[in-house]
Structures are given as C-alpha cells and as structure tokens.
N, C-alpha and C. Protein backbone atom coordinates (compact mmCIF):
# COMPACT_ATOMS: atom_id res chain seq x y z
N MET A 1 0.84 -1.18 0.00
CA MET A 1 0.00 0.00 0.00
C MET A 1 0.89 1.24 0.00
N SER A 2 0.67 2.10 -0.96
CA SER A 2 1.47 3.32 -1.06
C SER A 2 0.86 4.42 -0.20
N LEU A 3 1.70 5.13 0.51
CA LEU A 3 1.28 6.21 1.39
C LEU A 3 1.89 7.53 0.93
N THR A 4 1.30 8.62 1.37
CA THR A 4 1.87 9.95 1.17
C THR A 4 2.23 10.49 2.54
N ILE A 5 3.53 10.74 2.73
CA ILE A 5 4.05 11.18 4.03
C ILE A 5 4.92 12.42 3.82
N PRO A 6 4.34 13.61 3.91
CA PRO A 6 5.16 14.81 3.79
C PRO A 6 6.19 14.90 4.92
N VAL A 7 7.37 15.38 4.57
CA VAL A 7 8.44 15.63 5.54
C VAL A 7 8.49 17.14 5.73
N ILE A 8 8.08 17.60 6.91
CA ILE A 8 7.98 19.04 7.19
C ILE A 8 9.23 19.48 7.92
N LEU A 9 10.03 20.28 7.25
CA LEU A 9 11.28 20.79 7.79
C LEU A 9 11.00 22.04 8.63
N GLY A 10 11.71 22.18 9.74
CA GLY A 10 11.40 23.25 10.67
C GLY A 10 12.36 24.41 10.73
N SER A 11 13.33 24.49 9.84
CA SER A 11 14.33 25.55 9.94
C SER A 11 14.44 26.33 8.64
N VAL A 12 14.65 27.62 8.79
CA VAL A 12 14.89 28.48 7.62
C VAL A 12 16.27 29.14 7.67
N ARG A 13 17.09 28.73 8.60
CA ARG A 13 18.43 29.31 8.72
C ARG A 13 19.26 29.04 7.46
N SER A 14 20.14 29.94 7.12
CA SER A 14 20.95 29.77 5.91
C SER A 14 21.92 28.60 6.04
N ASP A 15 22.43 28.33 7.22
CA ASP A 15 23.37 27.22 7.42
C ASP A 15 22.71 26.07 8.17
N ARG A 16 21.48 25.81 7.91
CA ARG A 16 20.72 24.81 8.65
C ARG A 16 21.22 23.39 8.39
N ASN A 17 21.17 22.59 9.43
CA ASN A 17 21.54 21.18 9.33
C ASN A 17 20.34 20.27 9.17
N GLY A 18 19.17 20.76 9.49
CA GLY A 18 17.97 19.94 9.40
C GLY A 18 17.68 19.42 8.01
N ILE A 19 18.14 20.15 6.99
CA ILE A 19 17.93 19.69 5.62
C ILE A 19 18.59 18.33 5.40
N ARG A 20 19.64 18.04 6.14
CA ARG A 20 20.30 16.72 6.05
C ARG A 20 19.33 15.63 6.49
N ALA A 21 18.69 15.84 7.63
CA ALA A 21 17.73 14.85 8.15
C ALA A 21 16.53 14.74 7.22
N ALA A 22 16.05 15.86 6.71
CA ALA A 22 14.90 15.83 5.81
C ALA A 22 15.23 15.04 4.54
N ARG A 23 16.39 15.29 3.97
CA ARG A 23 16.79 14.55 2.76
C ARG A 23 16.94 13.06 3.05
N PHE A 24 17.52 12.74 4.20
CA PHE A 24 17.67 11.34 4.60
C PHE A 24 16.31 10.66 4.70
N LEU A 25 15.36 11.30 5.37
CA LEU A 25 14.04 10.70 5.55
C LEU A 25 13.26 10.60 4.25
N VAL A 26 13.35 11.61 3.41
CA VAL A 26 12.70 11.54 2.10
C VAL A 26 13.21 10.31 1.35
N GLY A 27 14.52 10.11 1.34
CA GLY A 27 15.10 8.95 0.67
C GLY A 27 14.65 7.64 1.26
N GLN A 28 14.59 7.56 2.59
CA GLN A 28 14.17 6.33 3.27
C GLN A 28 12.70 6.01 2.98
N ILE A 29 11.86 7.03 2.97
CA ILE A 29 10.43 6.82 2.71
C ILE A 29 10.20 6.43 1.25
N GLU A 30 10.87 7.11 0.34
CA GLU A 30 10.71 6.79 -1.08
C GLU A 30 11.23 5.39 -1.40
N ALA A 31 12.27 4.94 -0.70
CA ALA A 31 12.80 3.59 -0.90
C ALA A 31 11.76 2.53 -0.51
N ARG A 32 10.80 2.90 0.31
CA ARG A 32 9.71 2.00 0.71
C ARG A 32 8.56 2.04 -0.30
N GLY A 33 8.66 2.87 -1.32
CA GLY A 33 7.61 2.98 -2.32
C GLY A 33 6.53 3.99 -2.00
N HIS A 34 6.79 4.86 -1.03
CA HIS A 34 5.83 5.88 -0.63
C HIS A 34 6.26 7.24 -1.17
N ALA A 35 5.31 8.16 -1.26
CA ALA A 35 5.60 9.54 -1.65
C ALA A 35 6.02 10.31 -0.40
N ALA A 36 7.06 11.13 -0.53
CA ALA A 36 7.57 11.90 0.60
C ALA A 36 7.90 13.33 0.16
N PRO A 37 6.88 14.13 -0.14
CA PRO A 37 7.16 15.50 -0.54
C PRO A 37 7.78 16.30 0.60
N LEU A 38 8.79 17.08 0.28
CA LEU A 38 9.46 17.93 1.27
C LEU A 38 8.70 19.24 1.40
N VAL A 39 8.34 19.58 2.63
CA VAL A 39 7.71 20.86 2.93
C VAL A 39 8.79 21.72 3.58
N ASP A 40 9.30 22.66 2.81
CA ASP A 40 10.43 23.49 3.24
C ASP A 40 9.97 24.93 3.42
N PRO A 41 9.87 25.41 4.66
CA PRO A 41 9.40 26.78 4.87
C PRO A 41 10.30 27.85 4.25
N ALA A 42 11.57 27.53 4.03
CA ALA A 42 12.46 28.49 3.38
C ALA A 42 12.06 28.70 1.91
N GLU A 43 11.57 27.65 1.28
CA GLU A 43 11.12 27.77 -0.10
C GLU A 43 9.70 28.31 -0.20
N LEU A 44 8.85 27.94 0.75
CA LEU A 44 7.45 28.37 0.72
C LEU A 44 7.28 29.86 1.00
N ASP A 45 8.17 30.40 1.83
CA ASP A 45 8.09 31.81 2.21
C ASP A 45 6.69 32.16 2.73
N LEU A 46 6.21 31.35 3.67
CA LEU A 46 4.89 31.57 4.24
C LEU A 46 4.85 32.89 5.02
N PRO A 47 3.70 33.56 5.00
CA PRO A 47 3.59 34.76 5.82
C PRO A 47 3.55 34.37 7.30
N LEU A 48 3.92 35.30 8.18
CA LEU A 48 3.70 35.06 9.60
C LEU A 48 2.20 34.89 9.80
N LEU A 49 1.86 34.01 10.70
CA LEU A 49 0.45 33.66 10.88
C LEU A 49 -0.37 34.88 11.27
N ASP A 50 -1.27 35.25 10.37
CA ASP A 50 -2.27 36.27 10.63
C ASP A 50 -3.64 35.60 10.60
N ARG A 51 -3.84 34.78 9.57
CA ARG A 51 -5.06 33.99 9.43
C ARG A 51 -4.67 32.55 9.14
N MET A 52 -5.39 31.64 9.75
CA MET A 52 -5.22 30.24 9.39
C MET A 52 -5.78 30.04 7.98
N TYR A 53 -5.36 28.98 7.34
CA TYR A 53 -5.83 28.67 5.99
C TYR A 53 -7.36 28.70 5.92
N LYS A 54 -8.01 28.08 6.91
CA LYS A 54 -9.47 27.97 6.90
C LYS A 54 -10.17 29.32 7.08
N GLU A 55 -9.45 30.34 7.52
CA GLU A 55 -10.06 31.65 7.76
C GLU A 55 -10.08 32.54 6.52
N TYR A 56 -9.42 32.10 5.45
CA TYR A 56 -9.48 32.85 4.19
C TYR A 56 -10.77 32.50 3.46
N PRO A 57 -11.38 33.46 2.79
CA PRO A 57 -12.51 33.11 1.94
C PRO A 57 -12.04 32.11 0.87
N LYS A 58 -12.92 31.21 0.47
CA LYS A 58 -12.58 30.18 -0.51
C LYS A 58 -11.93 30.81 -1.74
N GLY A 59 -10.76 30.28 -2.10
CA GLY A 59 -10.05 30.75 -3.27
C GLY A 59 -9.17 31.97 -3.05
N GLU A 60 -9.10 32.49 -1.82
CA GLU A 60 -8.32 33.70 -1.56
C GLU A 60 -7.09 33.47 -0.69
N ALA A 61 -6.82 32.24 -0.30
CA ALA A 61 -5.62 31.96 0.50
C ALA A 61 -4.39 32.12 -0.39
N PRO A 62 -3.27 32.56 0.18
CA PRO A 62 -2.03 32.63 -0.60
C PRO A 62 -1.72 31.26 -1.23
N ALA A 63 -1.14 31.28 -2.41
CA ALA A 63 -0.88 30.05 -3.17
C ALA A 63 -0.14 28.99 -2.36
N PRO A 64 0.92 29.34 -1.60
CA PRO A 64 1.60 28.28 -0.83
C PRO A 64 0.69 27.59 0.18
N LEU A 65 -0.23 28.34 0.78
CA LEU A 65 -1.15 27.73 1.74
C LEU A 65 -2.14 26.80 1.03
N GLU A 66 -2.62 27.21 -0.12
CA GLU A 66 -3.53 26.37 -0.89
C GLU A 66 -2.85 25.07 -1.31
N GLN A 67 -1.60 25.17 -1.74
CA GLN A 67 -0.84 23.98 -2.15
C GLN A 67 -0.63 23.04 -0.97
N LEU A 68 -0.27 23.60 0.18
CA LEU A 68 -0.07 22.76 1.37
C LEU A 68 -1.38 22.11 1.82
N ALA A 69 -2.47 22.86 1.79
CA ALA A 69 -3.76 22.29 2.18
C ALA A 69 -4.11 21.10 1.30
N ASN A 70 -3.90 21.23 0.01
CA ASN A 70 -4.18 20.12 -0.91
C ASN A 70 -3.28 18.93 -0.61
N LEU A 71 -2.00 19.18 -0.35
CA LEU A 71 -1.07 18.10 -0.01
C LEU A 71 -1.50 17.41 1.29
N TYR A 72 -1.79 18.19 2.31
CA TYR A 72 -2.13 17.63 3.61
C TYR A 72 -3.40 16.80 3.55
N ARG A 73 -4.40 17.24 2.77
CA ARG A 73 -5.66 16.50 2.67
C ARG A 73 -5.46 15.11 2.07
N ARG A 74 -4.47 14.97 1.20
CA ARG A 74 -4.25 13.65 0.58
C ARG A 74 -3.15 12.85 1.29
N SER A 75 -2.65 13.37 2.40
CA SER A 75 -1.58 12.71 3.14
C SER A 75 -2.12 11.66 4.10
N ASP A 76 -1.25 10.71 4.41
CA ASP A 76 -1.61 9.64 5.33
C ASP A 76 -0.89 9.77 6.68
N ALA A 77 0.18 10.53 6.72
CA ALA A 77 0.96 10.75 7.94
C ALA A 77 1.88 11.93 7.66
N PHE A 78 2.53 12.40 8.71
CA PHE A 78 3.48 13.51 8.59
C PHE A 78 4.73 13.18 9.38
N ILE A 79 5.87 13.62 8.88
CA ILE A 79 7.09 13.60 9.66
C ILE A 79 7.53 15.05 9.83
N VAL A 80 7.80 15.40 11.07
CA VAL A 80 8.24 16.75 11.39
C VAL A 80 9.71 16.67 11.79
N VAL A 81 10.54 17.46 11.12
CA VAL A 81 11.98 17.50 11.38
C VAL A 81 12.27 18.79 12.14
N SER A 82 12.67 18.66 13.40
CA SER A 82 12.79 19.83 14.26
C SER A 82 14.14 19.93 14.95
N ALA A 83 14.67 21.13 14.91
CA ALA A 83 15.83 21.48 15.74
C ALA A 83 15.31 21.84 17.13
N GLU A 84 16.19 22.36 17.94
CA GLU A 84 15.82 22.79 19.28
C GLU A 84 16.34 24.21 19.45
N TYR A 85 15.44 25.17 19.51
CA TYR A 85 15.83 26.57 19.73
C TYR A 85 15.45 26.95 21.14
N ASN A 86 16.42 27.26 21.96
CA ASN A 86 16.17 27.62 23.36
C ASN A 86 15.34 26.55 24.07
N HIS A 87 15.68 25.30 23.80
CA HIS A 87 14.99 24.13 24.37
C HIS A 87 13.54 24.05 23.92
N SER A 88 13.21 24.64 22.79
CA SER A 88 11.83 24.69 22.36
C SER A 88 11.71 24.53 20.84
N ILE A 89 10.50 24.67 20.34
CA ILE A 89 10.17 24.49 18.93
C ILE A 89 10.66 25.69 18.13
N PRO A 90 11.34 25.49 17.00
CA PRO A 90 11.78 26.61 16.17
C PRO A 90 10.59 27.44 15.69
N PRO A 91 10.72 28.76 15.66
CA PRO A 91 9.60 29.61 15.26
C PRO A 91 9.12 29.35 13.83
N ALA A 92 10.01 29.04 12.91
CA ALA A 92 9.59 28.76 11.53
C ALA A 92 8.72 27.50 11.48
N LEU A 93 9.04 26.52 12.31
CA LEU A 93 8.24 25.29 12.34
C LEU A 93 6.86 25.56 12.91
N SER A 94 6.82 26.26 14.01
CA SER A 94 5.53 26.60 14.62
C SER A 94 4.67 27.37 13.62
N ASN A 95 5.25 28.33 12.94
CA ASN A 95 4.50 29.11 11.95
C ASN A 95 3.99 28.23 10.81
N THR A 96 4.83 27.31 10.34
CA THR A 96 4.42 26.42 9.25
C THR A 96 3.26 25.53 9.68
N LEU A 97 3.36 24.96 10.87
CA LEU A 97 2.33 24.05 11.36
C LEU A 97 1.02 24.76 11.69
N ASP A 98 1.11 25.93 12.29
CA ASP A 98 -0.08 26.61 12.82
C ASP A 98 -1.05 27.14 11.76
N HIS A 99 -0.65 27.16 10.51
CA HIS A 99 -1.57 27.64 9.47
C HIS A 99 -2.73 26.67 9.22
N PHE A 100 -2.63 25.45 9.71
CA PHE A 100 -3.62 24.42 9.39
C PHE A 100 -4.14 23.77 10.66
N LEU A 101 -5.27 23.08 10.51
CA LEU A 101 -5.83 22.33 11.62
C LEU A 101 -6.53 21.08 11.10
N GLU A 102 -7.73 21.22 10.54
CA GLU A 102 -8.50 20.07 10.09
C GLU A 102 -7.74 19.21 9.08
N GLU A 103 -6.83 19.81 8.34
CA GLU A 103 -6.07 19.07 7.33
C GLU A 103 -5.18 17.99 7.96
N TYR A 104 -4.87 18.12 9.23
CA TYR A 104 -4.04 17.12 9.93
C TYR A 104 -4.86 15.99 10.55
N TYR A 105 -6.15 16.20 10.72
CA TYR A 105 -6.96 15.28 11.51
C TYR A 105 -6.88 13.84 11.03
N TRP A 106 -6.86 12.93 12.02
CA TRP A 106 -6.94 11.49 11.80
C TRP A 106 -5.72 10.93 11.06
N ARG A 107 -4.58 11.63 11.17
CA ARG A 107 -3.33 11.19 10.55
C ARG A 107 -2.22 11.24 11.60
N PRO A 108 -1.41 10.21 11.71
CA PRO A 108 -0.34 10.22 12.71
C PRO A 108 0.84 11.07 12.25
N SER A 109 1.66 11.41 13.21
CA SER A 109 2.90 12.12 12.89
C SER A 109 4.07 11.42 13.57
N GLY A 110 5.24 11.63 13.02
CA GLY A 110 6.48 11.16 13.62
C GLY A 110 7.42 12.35 13.77
N ILE A 111 8.18 12.36 14.84
CA ILE A 111 9.09 13.48 15.12
C ILE A 111 10.53 13.02 14.96
N CYS A 112 11.23 13.67 14.07
CA CYS A 112 12.68 13.53 13.95
C CYS A 112 13.27 14.82 14.49
N CYS A 113 14.02 14.72 15.56
CA CYS A 113 14.63 15.90 16.17
C CYS A 113 16.14 15.77 16.07
N TYR A 114 16.81 16.90 16.11
CA TYR A 114 18.26 16.86 15.93
C TYR A 114 18.91 18.04 16.66
N SER A 115 20.21 17.90 16.86
CA SER A 115 21.00 19.01 17.41
C SER A 115 22.46 18.78 17.06
N ALA A 116 23.24 19.81 17.28
CA ALA A 116 24.68 19.71 17.08
C ALA A 116 25.33 19.02 18.27
N GLY A 117 24.62 18.99 19.39
CA GLY A 117 25.14 18.37 20.60
C GLY A 117 24.64 16.96 20.80
N GLN A 118 24.79 16.48 22.03
CA GLN A 118 24.52 15.07 22.31
C GLN A 118 23.07 14.71 22.59
N TYR A 119 22.19 15.70 22.79
CA TYR A 119 20.82 15.37 23.17
C TYR A 119 19.87 15.21 21.99
N GLY A 120 20.27 15.58 20.81
CA GLY A 120 19.48 15.32 19.62
C GLY A 120 18.16 16.07 19.53
N GLY A 121 18.02 17.17 20.25
CA GLY A 121 16.80 17.97 20.14
C GLY A 121 15.59 17.44 20.88
N VAL A 122 15.78 16.50 21.80
CA VAL A 122 14.63 15.85 22.44
C VAL A 122 13.81 16.79 23.32
N ARG A 123 14.40 17.84 23.84
CA ARG A 123 13.62 18.77 24.66
C ARG A 123 12.56 19.47 23.82
N ALA A 124 12.91 19.86 22.62
CA ALA A 124 11.93 20.46 21.72
C ALA A 124 10.89 19.43 21.29
N ALA A 125 11.33 18.19 21.11
CA ALA A 125 10.41 17.13 20.69
C ALA A 125 9.29 16.92 21.69
N MET A 126 9.58 17.07 22.97
CA MET A 126 8.54 16.88 23.99
C MET A 126 7.46 17.96 23.86
N GLN A 127 7.87 19.17 23.60
CA GLN A 127 6.90 20.25 23.40
C GLN A 127 6.17 20.08 22.08
N LEU A 128 6.89 19.63 21.07
CA LEU A 128 6.30 19.40 19.76
C LEU A 128 5.25 18.29 19.83
N ARG A 129 5.51 17.27 20.62
CA ARG A 129 4.55 16.18 20.78
C ARG A 129 3.20 16.71 21.27
N ALA A 130 3.22 17.61 22.24
CA ALA A 130 1.98 18.20 22.75
C ALA A 130 1.30 19.04 21.67
N MET A 131 2.08 19.80 20.93
CA MET A 131 1.52 20.66 19.88
C MET A 131 0.87 19.82 18.77
N LEU A 132 1.55 18.77 18.33
CA LEU A 132 1.01 17.94 17.24
C LEU A 132 -0.29 17.26 17.65
N GLY A 133 -0.37 16.81 18.89
CA GLY A 133 -1.61 16.22 19.37
C GLY A 133 -2.75 17.23 19.34
N GLU A 134 -2.46 18.45 19.73
CA GLU A 134 -3.48 19.50 19.72
C GLU A 134 -3.91 19.85 18.30
N LEU A 135 -3.01 19.73 17.34
CA LEU A 135 -3.35 20.00 15.94
C LEU A 135 -4.16 18.86 15.31
N GLY A 136 -4.21 17.71 15.96
CA GLY A 136 -4.98 16.60 15.42
C GLY A 136 -4.15 15.55 14.71
N THR A 137 -2.83 15.65 14.81
CA THR A 137 -1.93 14.65 14.23
C THR A 137 -1.01 14.13 15.32
N PRO A 138 -1.55 13.30 16.21
CA PRO A 138 -0.75 12.83 17.35
C PRO A 138 0.50 12.08 16.91
N SER A 139 1.56 12.29 17.65
CA SER A 139 2.83 11.64 17.29
C SER A 139 2.85 10.20 17.79
N ILE A 140 3.55 9.38 17.03
CA ILE A 140 3.74 7.99 17.44
C ILE A 140 4.64 7.97 18.69
N PRO A 141 4.65 6.88 19.43
CA PRO A 141 5.46 6.83 20.65
C PRO A 141 6.96 7.03 20.42
N SER A 142 7.50 6.49 19.34
CA SER A 142 8.95 6.61 19.10
C SER A 142 9.33 7.96 18.51
N LEU A 143 10.55 8.37 18.81
CA LEU A 143 11.18 9.53 18.19
C LEU A 143 12.36 9.05 17.37
N LEU A 144 12.82 9.91 16.47
CA LEU A 144 14.10 9.65 15.79
C LEU A 144 15.02 10.83 16.09
N PRO A 145 15.69 10.81 17.25
CA PRO A 145 16.62 11.88 17.59
C PRO A 145 17.97 11.65 16.90
N ILE A 146 18.55 12.74 16.39
CA ILE A 146 19.85 12.64 15.73
C ILE A 146 20.82 13.62 16.41
N PRO A 147 21.63 13.13 17.34
CA PRO A 147 22.65 13.99 17.94
C PRO A 147 23.81 14.19 16.97
N ARG A 148 24.51 15.29 17.15
CA ARG A 148 25.68 15.61 16.32
C ARG A 148 25.36 15.41 14.84
N ILE A 149 24.30 16.06 14.41
CA ILE A 149 23.78 15.84 13.06
C ILE A 149 24.82 16.12 11.98
N HIS A 150 25.67 17.09 12.22
CA HIS A 150 26.69 17.44 11.23
C HIS A 150 27.69 16.31 11.00
N LYS A 151 27.78 15.37 11.95
CA LYS A 151 28.64 14.19 11.79
C LYS A 151 27.84 12.96 11.36
N ALA A 152 26.59 12.89 11.77
CA ALA A 152 25.76 11.71 11.51
C ALA A 152 25.28 11.63 10.06
N LEU A 153 25.09 12.79 9.42
CA LEU A 153 24.56 12.83 8.06
C LEU A 153 25.36 13.80 7.19
N SER A 154 25.57 13.42 5.94
CA SER A 154 26.21 14.32 4.99
C SER A 154 25.21 15.39 4.55
N GLU A 155 25.68 16.38 3.85
CA GLU A 155 24.81 17.44 3.33
C GLU A 155 23.71 16.84 2.44
N ALA A 156 24.02 15.77 1.73
CA ALA A 156 23.06 15.12 0.83
C ALA A 156 22.10 14.19 1.58
N GLY A 157 22.33 14.01 2.88
CA GLY A 157 21.45 13.15 3.67
C GLY A 157 21.89 11.70 3.73
N GLU A 158 23.14 11.45 3.43
CA GLU A 158 23.67 10.08 3.50
C GLU A 158 24.18 9.83 4.93
N PRO A 159 23.75 8.71 5.54
CA PRO A 159 24.18 8.43 6.92
C PRO A 159 25.66 8.06 6.99
N ALA A 160 26.34 8.62 7.97
CA ALA A 160 27.75 8.31 8.19
C ALA A 160 27.92 7.32 9.34
N GLU A 161 26.82 7.04 10.02
CA GLU A 161 26.87 6.16 11.18
C GLU A 161 25.81 5.07 11.02
N GLU A 162 26.21 3.82 11.25
CA GLU A 162 25.36 2.66 10.99
C GLU A 162 24.07 2.66 11.81
N TRP A 163 24.11 3.15 13.02
CA TRP A 163 22.95 3.12 13.90
C TRP A 163 21.77 3.87 13.32
N LEU A 164 22.04 4.91 12.52
CA LEU A 164 20.98 5.78 12.04
C LEU A 164 20.02 5.07 11.09
N SER A 165 20.54 4.28 10.18
CA SER A 165 19.66 3.54 9.26
C SER A 165 18.80 2.53 10.01
N LYS A 166 19.36 1.88 11.01
CA LYS A 166 18.60 0.92 11.82
C LYS A 166 17.50 1.64 12.61
N ALA A 167 17.85 2.76 13.22
CA ALA A 167 16.87 3.52 13.99
C ALA A 167 15.76 4.06 13.09
N ALA A 168 16.13 4.54 11.90
CA ALA A 168 15.14 5.07 10.96
C ALA A 168 14.19 3.98 10.50
N LYS A 169 14.71 2.78 10.29
CA LYS A 169 13.85 1.67 9.86
C LYS A 169 12.78 1.39 10.91
N LYS A 170 13.18 1.29 12.15
CA LYS A 170 12.23 1.01 13.23
C LYS A 170 11.20 2.15 13.34
N PHE A 171 11.68 3.37 13.30
CA PHE A 171 10.82 4.57 13.37
C PHE A 171 9.80 4.57 12.23
N LEU A 172 10.26 4.31 11.01
CA LEU A 172 9.37 4.34 9.86
C LEU A 172 8.44 3.13 9.83
N ASP A 173 8.89 1.98 10.33
CA ASP A 173 8.00 0.82 10.45
C ASP A 173 6.81 1.18 11.36
N GLU A 174 7.11 1.82 12.46
CA GLU A 174 6.06 2.19 13.41
C GLU A 174 5.12 3.23 12.82
N LEU A 175 5.67 4.26 12.19
CA LEU A 175 4.83 5.29 11.58
C LEU A 175 3.95 4.69 10.49
N THR A 176 4.51 3.81 9.68
CA THR A 176 3.74 3.15 8.61
C THR A 176 2.58 2.35 9.19
N TRP A 177 2.84 1.63 10.28
CA TRP A 177 1.78 0.84 10.92
C TRP A 177 0.62 1.75 11.33
N TYR A 178 0.92 2.84 11.99
CA TYR A 178 -0.13 3.78 12.41
C TYR A 178 -0.81 4.42 11.20
N ALA A 179 -0.04 4.79 10.18
CA ALA A 179 -0.61 5.42 8.99
C ALA A 179 -1.58 4.49 8.28
N GLU A 180 -1.20 3.23 8.13
CA GLU A 180 -2.08 2.27 7.46
C GLU A 180 -3.34 2.01 8.29
N ALA A 181 -3.19 1.92 9.59
CA ALA A 181 -4.35 1.68 10.46
C ALA A 181 -5.33 2.85 10.39
N LEU A 182 -4.82 4.07 10.46
CA LEU A 182 -5.71 5.23 10.42
C LEU A 182 -6.26 5.47 9.01
N GLN A 183 -5.51 5.12 7.99
CA GLN A 183 -6.02 5.22 6.62
C GLN A 183 -7.24 4.31 6.46
N ALA A 184 -7.15 3.10 6.97
CA ALA A 184 -8.27 2.15 6.89
C ALA A 184 -9.48 2.68 7.67
N LYS A 185 -9.25 3.25 8.83
CA LYS A 185 -10.36 3.80 9.61
C LYS A 185 -10.97 5.03 8.95
N ARG A 186 -10.16 5.92 8.36
CA ARG A 186 -10.70 7.09 7.67
C ARG A 186 -11.61 6.67 6.52
N ALA A 187 -11.28 5.54 5.88
CA ALA A 187 -12.08 5.06 4.74
C ALA A 187 -13.49 4.67 5.17
N THR A 188 -13.68 4.34 6.46
CA THR A 188 -15.01 3.97 6.95
C THR A 188 -15.69 5.14 7.66
N GLY A 189 -15.05 6.30 7.71
CA GLY A 189 -15.63 7.47 8.34
C GLY A 189 -14.85 7.90 9.58
N THR A 190 -15.09 9.12 10.00
CA THR A 190 -14.44 9.67 11.18
C THR A 190 -15.51 10.11 12.18
N PRO A 191 -15.14 10.29 13.44
CA PRO A 191 -16.15 10.67 14.45
C PRO A 191 -16.87 11.99 14.13
N TYR A 192 -16.18 12.91 13.44
CA TYR A 192 -16.83 14.17 13.03
C TYR A 192 -16.09 14.76 11.87
C-alpha cells in the first residue's frame, strides 16, 4: 500500500543542518515505495500567521497555503523535522504548522529531532509532541533523535553512522503501521 508522508522541515536558517535529516528521511520513505514531498518553509516563504488557511474566503488563500492544504488533505501521515531553539520548537516550524488544523486530523505524525550536541533535540520534541496532538496529528510513541547531526549525516542526507539507518527503519515501520491503520479507519468514516 502506497502512502503519502510529507516531511515538514522546521528551519529556515541559511546554514541549517535539518535539511540533512529531511533529505535522509525523504530517501528512506521513497525507498519503501511511498511519496515523501518535502515541505520546506524556506522555499514556501509563508507569511507570519495572521489567518489560518481555513479563515481565508474560498479561493483567496495565498498560493503556498492552498498547495499545502491540498497536499495535507491527501496525506496519510506527517514527519516533522525539528531542531531545538532555546529548548523549544523553532519559530519557523511553529509558523508552518499553525496555518492548518483540520487538514491534519486522523493522521499520525512522527518526530525527527536533531541538534549539534549530544541530546538530539529531544527537549523540543517533547513540546512538539503536545503541539502535534493538539493539531490533530498525534505523534507515534517513538522519536528519531539525531545527535551531532553534522557528523551523523552528509549534506546530501547520507548516513555516516550505521545506527541511524537501523533507527530510521524502526521509526518508519512504526509510523507506517499507524498510517495504514488510520487510513483504513478514515475510509469507513471519522467521528466528526
């Protein structure tokens, strides 16, 4: 069964390392035969949140929001790639996520967090887990933390350390299980 799993990148910094993790995950998901479109806020140039997508009159939302809404509606799960800014969620990621709500409903999410240090961004992941649940895309129990990302992955997203491919496989197996289960349930209807 083919799934659509957007990889939502959370950084817009010019020297960002998160693009390494995003490229790695896109490759891993596509190798499984699934679609993994990259959602890059640096390319989308989204406005700071003034109105959510649903608050625009039909046909008047900015083009990037309309494109994302269409992508999210046909998605089966989401992967969020997050750094840790001041032990919290990066502002570009929060802005990217907050534009939508119903488009996330009844779809699981997975969190890949990273840092230049040894903790792999897990402090931000804990806050992100609460946020994703509130948005309607609860995160799976497992995380994919990547410490010392600049050493663990090349710029192209190739793993330099053996553990990462094994950890990603387990993480994606779990996300796929939840995505397939919720896809089957959505086909029979949702509570509202």
